[in-house]
Protein backbone atom coordinates (compact mmCIF):
# COMPACT_ATOMS: atom_id res chain seq x y z
CA MET A 1 -19.82 -2.74 40.02
CA LYS A 2 -16.67 -0.48 39.56
CA SER A 3 -14.51 -0.72 36.54
CA LYS A 4 -11.01 -2.28 36.96
CA TRP A 5 -9.75 1.03 35.54
CA SER A 6 -11.69 3.26 38.01
CA GLU A 7 -8.53 3.94 40.15
CA LEU A 8 -6.72 5.52 37.20
CA LYS A 9 -9.82 7.77 36.38
CA GLU A 10 -8.59 10.73 38.34
CA ASN A 11 -5.03 10.54 37.02
CA ALA A 12 -6.40 10.14 33.43
CA ILE A 13 -8.50 13.30 33.77
CA LYS A 14 -5.34 15.49 35.27
CA LEU A 15 -3.49 14.03 32.01
CA ARG A 16 -6.26 15.20 29.90
CA LYS A 17 -6.35 18.49 31.44
CA ARG A 18 -2.93 19.05 30.81
CA GLY A 19 -3.60 18.95 27.07
CA LEU A 20 -2.75 15.37 26.37
CA SER A 21 -4.58 13.59 23.67
CA ILE A 22 -6.76 10.41 24.32
CA ARG A 23 -4.24 8.56 22.32
CA LYS A 24 -1.33 9.70 24.60
CA VAL A 25 -3.26 9.13 27.72
CA GLU A 26 -4.12 5.54 26.62
CA GLN A 27 -0.53 4.77 26.02
CA TYR A 28 0.71 6.10 29.26
CA LEU A 29 -1.91 4.34 31.65
CA GLY A 30 -3.14 1.45 29.26
CA VAL A 31 -6.72 2.25 29.66
CA PRO A 32 -8.98 1.59 26.75
CA ARG A 33 -9.91 4.37 24.45
CA SER A 34 -13.62 3.80 24.69
CA THR A 35 -13.17 4.11 28.41
CA LEU A 36 -11.38 7.29 28.36
CA SER A 37 -13.82 8.85 25.98
CA GLY A 38 -16.50 8.46 28.64
CA TRP A 39 -14.29 9.87 31.46
CA PHE A 40 -13.33 12.79 29.28
CA LYS A 41 -16.92 13.54 27.91
CA ASN A 42 -17.42 16.36 30.67
CA VAL A 43 -13.91 17.66 30.78
CA GLU A 44 -13.81 21.18 29.67
CA LEU A 45 -10.40 22.29 28.27
CA SER A 46 -8.88 25.97 27.93
CA ALA A 47 -8.19 27.56 24.69
CA ARG A 48 -4.52 26.85 25.52
CA GLN A 49 -5.11 23.32 26.01
CA ARG A 50 -7.20 22.76 22.75
CA GLU A 51 -4.55 24.59 20.85
CA LYS A 52 -1.98 22.06 22.52
CA LEU A 53 -4.05 19.30 21.36
CA TYR A 54 -4.38 20.76 17.99
CA ASN A 55 -0.69 21.18 17.41
CA ASP A 56 0.06 17.77 18.76
CA TRP A 57 -2.25 16.35 16.12
CA LYS A 58 -0.61 18.28 13.45
CA LYS A 59 2.82 17.10 14.54
CA ALA A 60 1.57 13.31 14.63
CA LEU A 61 -0.15 13.63 11.20
CA ILE A 62 3.31 15.02 9.74
CA LYS A 63 5.11 12.19 11.37
CA ALA A 64 2.57 9.71 10.03
CA ARG A 65 2.78 10.92 6.69
CA LYS A 66 6.76 10.80 6.66
CA LYS A 67 6.66 7.11 7.98
CA ALA A 68 4.06 6.50 5.19
CA VAL A 69 6.54 7.94 2.40
CA LEU A 70 9.33 6.00 3.77
CA TRP A 71 7.21 2.83 3.78
CA HIS A 72 6.17 3.45 0.24
CA ASN A 73 9.56 4.30 -0.94
CA ALA A 74 10.90 0.98 0.41
CA GLN A 75 8.20 -1.00 -1.05
CA LYS A 76 8.83 0.69 -4.44
CA GLU A 77 12.65 -0.12 -4.16
CA GLY A 78 11.79 -3.49 -3.36
CA ARG A 79 9.55 -3.78 -6.52
CA LEU A 80 12.15 -2.25 -8.58
CA LEU A 81 14.98 -4.44 -7.44
CA GLU A 82 12.60 -7.46 -8.24
CA ALA A 83 12.05 -6.43 -11.49
CA LYS A 84 15.56 -5.92 -12.27
CA ASN A 85 16.66 -9.26 -11.06
CA GLN A 86 13.83 -10.85 -13.37
CA ALA A 87 15.26 -8.95 -16.19
CA ILE A 88 18.88 -10.19 -15.35
CA LYS A 89 17.40 -13.62 -15.46
CA THR A 90 15.88 -13.34 -18.67
CA LEU A 91 19.08 -11.85 -20.16
CA ARG A 92 21.14 -14.58 -18.98
CA GLN A 93 19.14 -16.93 -21.21
CA ILE A 94 19.46 -14.91 -24.36
CA ASN A 95 22.59 -15.58 -26.46
CA LYS A 96 23.56 -11.73 -27.26
CA ASP A 97 26.37 -13.07 -29.71
CA ASP A 98 23.44 -14.41 -31.80
CA LYS A 99 23.18 -11.81 -34.83
CA ASN A 100 19.66 -13.03 -35.35
CA ILE A 101 18.53 -11.95 -32.36
CA LEU A 102 20.54 -8.76 -32.64
CA GLU A 103 18.86 -8.08 -35.82
CA LEU A 104 15.39 -8.87 -34.60
CA THR A 105 15.90 -6.50 -31.71
CA LEU A 106 16.81 -3.72 -34.07
CA ALA A 107 13.87 -4.47 -36.15
CA ILE A 108 11.46 -4.10 -33.31
CA LEU A 109 13.00 -0.85 -32.16
CA TYR A 110 13.09 0.49 -35.83
CA LEU A 111 9.39 -0.52 -36.35
CA GLY A 112 8.64 1.73 -33.19
CA GLU A 113 11.13 4.60 -33.50
CA GLY A 114 12.67 4.45 -36.86
CA SER A 115 11.76 6.70 -40.03
CA LYS A 116 9.07 5.32 -42.27
CA LYS A 117 8.51 8.15 -44.75
CA ASN A 118 12.10 8.94 -45.93
CA ILE A 119 13.66 6.78 -48.50
CA GLU A 120 16.46 5.74 -46.38
CA THR A 121 17.29 4.16 -42.94
CA ALA A 122 17.03 6.66 -40.38
CA LEU A 123 16.22 7.02 -36.77
CA GLY A 124 16.06 9.92 -34.19
CA SER A 125 15.89 10.13 -30.25
CA SER A 126 16.93 11.97 -27.35
CA ASP A 127 18.06 9.00 -25.54
CA PRO A 128 21.91 8.11 -26.25
CA LEU A 129 21.51 4.61 -25.38
CA ILE A 130 18.92 4.13 -28.08
CA LEU A 131 21.40 5.82 -30.78
CA LYS A 132 24.44 3.95 -29.45
CA PHE A 133 22.68 0.48 -29.93
CA PHE A 134 21.47 1.69 -33.43
CA ILE A 135 25.12 2.37 -34.57
CA LYS A 136 26.31 -0.77 -32.95
CA ALA A 137 23.84 -2.91 -34.56
CA LEU A 138 24.24 -1.32 -37.87
CA LYS A 139 27.98 -1.94 -37.93
CA ASN A 140 27.83 -5.61 -36.35
CA ILE A 141 24.93 -6.93 -38.65
CA TYR A 142 25.68 -5.09 -41.78
CA ASN A 143 29.09 -4.13 -41.75
CA PHE A 144 27.81 -0.51 -42.24
CA ASN A 145 30.45 2.27 -42.33
CA VAL A 146 29.37 4.62 -39.42
CA GLU A 147 31.23 7.50 -40.77
CA LYS A 148 28.80 7.72 -43.69
CA ILE A 149 26.00 8.58 -41.35
CA ARG A 150 24.57 12.09 -41.40
CA CYS A 151 23.53 13.58 -38.01
CA GLU A 152 20.75 16.20 -37.59
CA LEU A 153 20.29 17.98 -34.35
CA TYR A 154 16.81 19.48 -33.26
CA LEU A 155 17.47 21.80 -30.33
CA ARG A 156 15.62 24.11 -27.87
CA ALA A 157 16.23 27.85 -28.22
CA ASP A 158 18.55 28.11 -25.31
CA GLN A 159 20.88 25.32 -26.43
CA ASP A 160 24.26 26.26 -27.71
CA PRO A 161 24.61 24.04 -31.04
CA GLU A 162 28.33 23.70 -30.83
CA THR A 163 28.16 22.43 -27.19
CA ILE A 164 25.48 20.00 -28.02
CA LYS A 165 27.34 18.95 -31.21
CA HIS A 166 30.33 18.15 -29.23
CA PHE A 167 28.22 16.14 -26.62
CA TRP A 168 26.79 13.82 -29.24
CA SER A 169 29.89 13.62 -31.17
CA GLN A 170 31.81 12.26 -28.00
CA THR A 171 28.67 10.32 -26.99
CA LEU A 172 28.07 8.46 -30.21
CA LYS A 173 31.80 8.40 -31.30
CA LEU A 174 31.24 10.22 -34.49
CA PRO A 175 33.33 12.78 -36.34
CA LYS A 176 31.93 16.31 -36.05
CA ASN A 177 31.78 16.41 -39.75
CA CYS A 178 28.98 13.74 -39.64
CA PHE A 179 26.79 16.61 -38.18
CA LYS A 180 25.30 18.41 -41.15
CA SER A 181 22.50 20.45 -39.67
CA VAL A 182 20.82 22.07 -36.60
CA SER A 183 17.30 23.15 -36.24
CA ILE A 184 16.29 25.47 -33.29
CA ASP A 185 12.70 25.30 -32.08
CA ASN A 186 11.82 28.86 -31.72
CA ARG A 187 8.62 28.01 -29.93
CA THR A 188 10.79 27.27 -27.04
CA LEU A 189 12.10 30.92 -26.63
CA GLY A 190 11.95 32.07 -22.97
CA SER A 191 11.62 28.56 -21.37
CA LYS A 192 14.62 27.02 -19.69
CA THR A 193 15.82 23.65 -20.71
CA TYR A 194 17.04 20.84 -18.11
CA PRO A 195 20.58 20.61 -18.22
CA THR A 196 20.30 16.81 -18.87
CA TYR A 197 18.26 17.13 -22.07
CA LYS A 198 20.53 17.30 -25.27
CA GLY A 199 18.01 17.75 -27.90
CA VAL A 200 17.10 15.22 -30.34
CA CYS A 201 19.60 13.50 -32.71
CA ASN A 202 18.58 12.19 -35.83
CA LEU A 203 20.86 9.80 -37.63
CA ARG A 204 20.48 9.20 -41.27
CA CYS A 205 22.16 6.20 -42.93
CA GLY A 206 21.43 6.25 -46.68
CA SER A 207 20.63 2.94 -47.44
CA VAL A 208 16.79 2.08 -48.01
CA ALA A 209 17.45 -1.70 -48.30
CA ILE A 210 18.38 -2.03 -44.48
CA LYS A 211 15.00 -0.10 -43.72
CA ARG A 212 13.07 -2.10 -45.86
CA LYS A 213 14.25 -5.53 -44.17
CA LEU A 214 13.96 -4.01 -40.83
CA LEU A 215 10.50 -3.04 -41.27
CA TYR A 216 9.52 -6.39 -43.09
CA LEU A 217 11.31 -8.32 -40.30
CA GLY A 218 9.74 -6.47 -37.49
CA GLU A 219 6.11 -6.68 -38.75
CA ALA A 220 6.43 -10.29 -39.81
CA PHE A 221 7.64 -11.28 -36.41
CA LEU A 222 4.81 -9.32 -34.57
CA LYS A 223 2.15 -11.02 -36.76
CA ASN A 224 3.52 -14.46 -36.24
CA ILE A 225 3.57 -13.89 -32.47
CA VAL A 226 -0.15 -12.63 -32.51
CA GLU A 227 -1.35 -15.55 -34.78
CA LYS A 228 0.46 -17.97 -32.69
CA TYR A 229 -0.76 -16.92 -29.30
């Protein structure tokens, strides 16, 4: 009994001998791949035809990989957007004018990033947003005079101290006379620093009382949550 595809066999073999892949022939003629595999079993291809098949396979692989990257990027963007929307939803439910919430946020930050050993309130970071928040919170909660802050810079060997000092002064809106010292890490000699990296800025605020309260508040809150849940 003849297969319903039999009349297409001759044409299929011609396409194969032209160097087309089984997948391409399947697309052109609509013949199942399993049928084509049987037809092409004894079809011998020249070196040139085999090279064409190989090159076509490589091109198809590159194209498939590009599509996969685009798909994964689109999926990632979707997940990031969802996370952002959920965060905004949570923020809308928080009273950002409540100083108790502001102080608790500062306490959690200080517990993770603030200085524990020094007998004063101090926090260092390479992230301007964290330092801006630290300064704003000190001012709004404790009416702290930010001009009393002493700033220390920790830089890499290829960074210009005056340029970086100007950056942090402008970014944090602190007078340049607040910047008391600059330390250079000589271990970085010979390596290039990314333009976006502006070193670490350490803010020393003197008062040990603020530090003590923040550490106690942060630890007490975390313990309460752990014991409750």
